[in-house]
Structure formats: C-alpha cells, structure tokens
C-alpha cells in the first residue's frame, strides 16, 4: 500500500497512476470514464443472458476487475507537459520517465471529474 493520506494531493497522483478501477474512476479523463461506463453497461447486459443466470455476479466481478481495466488506455500527456515535468524533477533518464508519469497524472486531474456517457456528473460509474 501507499502511505499518502486519503484526500491528499499525493494520494490523487498515486490514484491517477493506477489502472482503472471503480476506486480510481474519478481521476481518469472524461473519454476513458465514458468508455468505462459503456463497458460496464455492456457487462451488465451480458449478465442478464440466460446462460449466465447462476454466474451473473461472478461474471460482473470479473468484467469490472479484468475486462474494463484492460480495455482502457491512458492518453499520452502532451510533449510540453512531459518536458516541463522533467525539467522540474531532474535530468536523469529514470527520473524523467517518472516525471512524465506525474505530469500525465496531473494533466488528467485538471479536467472535470465524474462524467459518464450520459454527460451527468457522478463518481459511482
């Protein structure tokens, strides 16, 4: 686990670096949150198929835990954001890569949160 306090800026950056999950949904960009919601709806529709009657809960758990995270990619941050973040961290290549990841997380946090395919705000999708 991470040692950043819940609700802190450090916690938000750490959450933004994690793969998609219901817990990190709110820190993903609008387009990826909308896609996650669409995939969730698709998974929920699959659970209503008669062949999954007795396994619907397990299917949805697997869908949310494995399918959705693997179906979503984070967009690359703009080159200017990476360069700025790298300049602030240090000049070593390994630190530059970490700086780029931090810049990506901060860039994503700057946008509105909680938007799903329907356009309404909600952090539960």
C-alpha atoms as a PDB file:
ATOM      1  CA  UNK A   1       0.000   0.000   0.000  1.00  0.00           C
ATOM      2  CA  UNK A   2       0.876   3.632  -0.313  1.00  0.00           C
ATOM      3  CA  UNK A   3       1.452   5.893   2.663  1.00  0.00           C
ATOM      4  CA  UNK A   4      -0.211   9.025   1.224  1.00  0.00           C
ATOM      5  CA  UNK A   5      -3.115  10.320   3.292  1.00  0.00           C
ATOM      6  CA  UNK A   6      -6.608   9.878   1.822  1.00  0.00           C
ATOM      7  CA  UNK A   7      -7.728  13.061   0.058  1.00  0.00           C
ATOM      8  CA  UNK A   8      -4.202  14.472  -0.212  1.00  0.00           C
ATOM      9  CA  UNK A   9      -2.667  15.671  -3.465  1.00  0.00           C
ATOM     10  CA  UNK A  10      -0.129  12.862  -3.204  1.00  0.00           C
ATOM     11  CA  UNK A  11      -2.952  10.318  -2.911  1.00  0.00           C
ATOM     12  CA  UNK A  12      -4.638  11.763  -6.031  1.00  0.00           C
ATOM     13  CA  UNK A  13      -1.408  11.496  -8.034  1.00  0.00           C
ATOM     14  CA  UNK A  14      -0.900   7.914  -6.837  1.00  0.00           C
ATOM     15  CA  UNK A  15      -4.511   7.008  -7.661  1.00  0.00           C
ATOM     16  CA  UNK A  16      -4.152   8.591 -11.106  1.00  0.00           C
ATOM     17  CA  UNK A  17      -1.167   6.355 -11.834  1.00  0.00           C
ATOM     18  CA  UNK A  18      -3.136   3.183 -11.079  1.00  0.00           C
ATOM     19  CA  UNK A  19      -5.054   1.123 -13.654  1.00  0.00           C
ATOM     20  CA  UNK A  20      -8.763   1.864 -13.982  1.00  0.00           C
ATOM     21  CA  UNK A  21     -10.958   0.557 -11.177  1.00  0.00           C
ATOM     22  CA  UNK A  22     -14.168   1.770  -9.551  1.00  0.00           C
ATOM     23  CA  UNK A  23     -11.946   3.409  -6.901  1.00  0.00           C
ATOM     24  CA  UNK A  24      -9.828   5.308  -9.474  1.00  0.00           C
ATOM     25  CA  UNK A  25     -12.634   6.042 -11.958  1.00  0.00           C
ATOM     26  CA  UNK A  26     -12.945   9.698 -10.911  1.00  0.00           C
ATOM     27  CA  UNK A  27      -9.294  10.501 -11.717  1.00  0.00           C
ATOM     28  CA  UNK A  28      -9.452   9.204 -15.302  1.00  0.00           C
ATOM     29  CA  UNK A  29     -10.082  11.572 -18.260  1.00  0.00           C
ATOM     30  CA  UNK A  30     -13.655  12.119 -19.451  1.00  0.00           C
ATOM     31  CA  UNK A  31     -13.350   9.967 -22.575  1.00  0.00           C
ATOM     32  CA  UNK A  32     -11.994   6.976 -20.661  1.00  0.00           C
ATOM     33  CA  UNK A  33     -14.622   7.328 -17.914  1.00  0.00           C
ATOM     34  CA  UNK A  34     -17.331   7.387 -20.572  1.00  0.00           C
ATOM     35  CA  UNK A  35     -15.820   4.272 -22.179  1.00  0.00           C
ATOM     36  CA  UNK A  36     -15.601   2.538 -18.778  1.00  0.00           C
ATOM     37  CA  UNK A  37     -19.284   3.279 -18.216  1.00  0.00           C
ATOM     38  CA  UNK A  38     -20.197   1.916 -21.664  1.00  0.00           C
ATOM     39  CA  UNK A  39     -18.207  -1.247 -20.939  1.00  0.00           C
ATOM     40  CA  UNK A  40     -19.879  -1.576 -17.531  1.00  0.00           C
ATOM     41  CA  UNK A  41     -23.318  -1.356 -19.163  1.00  0.00           C
ATOM     42  CA  UNK A  42     -22.278  -3.981 -21.714  1.00  0.00           C
ATOM     43  CA  UNK A  43     -21.053  -6.290 -18.928  1.00  0.00           C
ATOM     44  CA  UNK A  44     -24.280  -5.780 -17.009  1.00  0.00           C
ATOM     45  CA  UNK A  45     -26.272  -6.658 -20.136  1.00  0.00           C
ATOM     46  CA  UNK A  46     -24.232  -9.849 -20.553  1.00  0.00           C
ATOM     47  CA  UNK A  47     -25.124 -10.905 -17.006  1.00  0.00           C
ATOM     48  CA  UNK A  48     -28.790 -10.854 -17.997  1.00  0.00           C
ATOM     49  CA  UNK A  49     -28.232 -13.569 -20.611  1.00  0.00           C
ATOM     50  CA  UNK A  50     -29.880 -16.850 -19.576  1.00  0.00           C
ATOM     51  CA  UNK A  51     -26.597 -18.753 -19.895  1.00  0.00           C
ATOM     52  CA  UNK A  52     -25.134 -16.643 -17.050  1.00  0.00           C
ATOM     53  CA  UNK A  53     -28.113 -16.912 -14.670  1.00  0.00           C
ATOM     54  CA  UNK A  54     -26.179 -18.594 -11.873  1.00  0.00           C
ATOM     55  CA  UNK A  55     -22.853 -16.853 -12.518  1.00  0.00           C
ATOM     56  CA  UNK A  56     -24.020 -13.280 -13.131  1.00  0.00           C
ATOM     57  CA  UNK A  57     -22.349 -11.842 -10.028  1.00  0.00           C
ATOM     58  CA  UNK A  58     -19.051 -13.572 -10.753  1.00  0.00           C
ATOM     59  CA  UNK A  59     -19.198 -12.501 -14.390  1.00  0.00           C
ATOM     60  CA  UNK A  60     -19.734  -8.854 -13.480  1.00  0.00           C
ATOM     61  CA  UNK A  61     -16.946  -9.001 -10.863  1.00  0.00           C
ATOM     62  CA  UNK A  62     -14.546 -10.365 -13.491  1.00  0.00           C
ATOM     63  CA  UNK A  63     -15.782  -7.859 -16.060  1.00  0.00           C
ATOM     64  CA  UNK A  64     -15.131  -4.931 -13.712  1.00  0.00           C
ATOM     65  CA  UNK A  65     -11.879  -6.317 -12.323  1.00  0.00           C
ATOM     66  CA  UNK A  66     -10.243  -7.528 -15.529  1.00  0.00           C
ATOM     67  CA  UNK A  67     -12.023  -6.630 -18.769  1.00  0.00           C
ATOM     68  CA  UNK A  68     -12.609  -2.913 -18.212  1.00  0.00           C
ATOM     69  CA  UNK A  69      -9.093  -2.152 -16.879  1.00  0.00           C
ATOM     70  CA  UNK A  70      -7.500  -3.968 -19.826  1.00  0.00           C
ATOM     71  CA  UNK A  71      -9.766  -2.235 -22.348  1.00  0.00           C
ATOM     72  CA  UNK A  72      -8.787   1.275 -21.256  1.00  0.00           C
ATOM     73  CA  UNK A  73      -5.571   3.126 -22.048  1.00  0.00           C
ATOM     74  CA  UNK A  74      -4.439   6.429 -20.675  1.00  0.00           C
ATOM     75  CA  UNK A  75      -3.735   9.039 -23.327  1.00  0.00           C
ATOM     76  CA  UNK A  76      -0.138  10.216 -23.505  1.00  0.00           C
ATOM     77  CA  UNK A  77       0.369  13.673 -21.995  1.00  0.00           C
ATOM     78  CA  UNK A  78       1.284  16.497 -24.361  1.00  0.00           C
ATOM     79  CA  UNK A  79       5.037  16.650 -25.026  1.00  0.00           C
ATOM     80  CA  UNK A  80       5.196  20.094 -23.414  1.00  0.00           C
ATOM     81  CA  UNK A  81       3.796  18.698 -20.137  1.00  0.00           C
ATOM     82  CA  UNK A  82       6.428  15.955 -20.091  1.00  0.00           C
ATOM     83  CA  UNK A  83       9.236  18.397 -20.801  1.00  0.00           C
ATOM     84  CA  UNK A  84       8.073  20.760 -18.044  1.00  0.00           C
ATOM     85  CA  UNK A  85       7.714  17.954 -15.505  1.00  0.00           C
ATOM     86  CA  UNK A  86      11.098  16.501 -16.444  1.00  0.00           C
ATOM     87  CA  UNK A  87      12.744  19.902 -16.014  1.00  0.00           C
ATOM     88  CA  UNK A  88      11.273  20.154 -12.518  1.00  0.00           C
ATOM     89  CA  UNK A  89      12.405  16.716 -11.347  1.00  0.00           C
ATOM     90  CA  UNK A  90      15.979  16.160 -12.556  1.00  0.00           C
ATOM     91  CA  UNK A  91      17.965  15.355 -15.652  1.00  0.00           C
ATOM     92  CA  UNK A  92      18.451  11.580 -15.162  1.00  0.00           C
ATOM     93  CA  UNK A  93      16.528   9.386 -17.656  1.00  0.00           C
ATOM     94  CA  UNK A  94      14.796   7.283 -14.972  1.00  0.00           C
ATOM     95  CA  UNK A  95      13.613  10.399 -13.149  1.00  0.00           C
ATOM     96  CA  UNK A  96      12.470  11.901 -16.450  1.00  0.00           C
ATOM     97  CA  UNK A  97      10.230   8.896 -17.062  1.00  0.00           C
ATOM     98  CA  UNK A  98       8.787   9.227 -13.558  1.00  0.00           C
ATOM     99  CA  UNK A  99       8.300  12.969 -14.144  1.00  0.00           C
ATOM    100  CA  UNK A 100       6.386  12.229 -17.341  1.00  0.00           C
ATOM    101  CA  UNK A 101       4.073   9.869 -15.458  1.00  0.00           C
ATOM    102  CA  UNK A 102       3.498  12.528 -12.795  1.00  0.00           C
ATOM    103  CA  UNK A 103       2.761  15.115 -15.493  1.00  0.00           C
ATOM    104  CA  UNK A 104       0.250  12.734 -17.080  1.00  0.00           C
ATOM    105  CA  UNK A 105      -1.479  12.230 -13.740  1.00  0.00           C
ATOM    106  CA  UNK A 106      -1.608  15.963 -13.045  1.00  0.00           C
ATOM    107  CA  UNK A 107      -2.858  16.726 -16.562  1.00  0.00           C
ATOM    108  CA  UNK A 108      -5.700  14.222 -16.107  1.00  0.00           C
ATOM    109  CA  UNK A 109      -6.614  15.611 -12.693  1.00  0.00           C
ATOM    110  CA  UNK A 110      -7.018  19.107 -14.139  1.00  0.00           C
ATOM    111  CA  UNK A 111     -10.130  18.109 -16.129  1.00  0.00           C
ATOM    112  CA  UNK A 112     -13.697  17.761 -14.835  1.00  0.00           C
ATOM    113  CA  UNK A 113     -14.425  14.562 -12.936  1.00  0.00           C
ATOM    114  CA  UNK A 114     -17.285  12.122 -12.782  1.00  0.00           C
ATOM    115  CA  UNK A 115     -18.639  12.437 -16.321  1.00  0.00           C
ATOM    116  CA  UNK A 116     -20.030   9.249 -17.840  1.00  0.00           C
ATOM    117  CA  UNK A 117     -21.507   8.531 -21.241  1.00  0.00           C
ATOM    118  CA  UNK A 118     -24.765  10.281 -20.368  1.00  0.00           C
ATOM    119  CA  UNK A 119     -22.978  13.532 -19.550  1.00  0.00           C
ATOM    120  CA  UNK A 120     -24.201  13.710 -15.953  1.00  0.00           C
ATOM    121  CA  UNK A 121     -21.768  14.044 -13.105  1.00  0.00           C
ATOM    122  CA  UNK A 122     -21.329  11.000 -10.949  1.00  0.00           C
ATOM    123  CA  UNK A 123     -18.360   9.317  -9.324  1.00  0.00           C
ATOM    124  CA  UNK A 124     -20.145   5.988  -8.899  1.00  0.00           C
ATOM    125  CA  UNK A 125     -19.825   4.872 -12.559  1.00  0.00           C
END
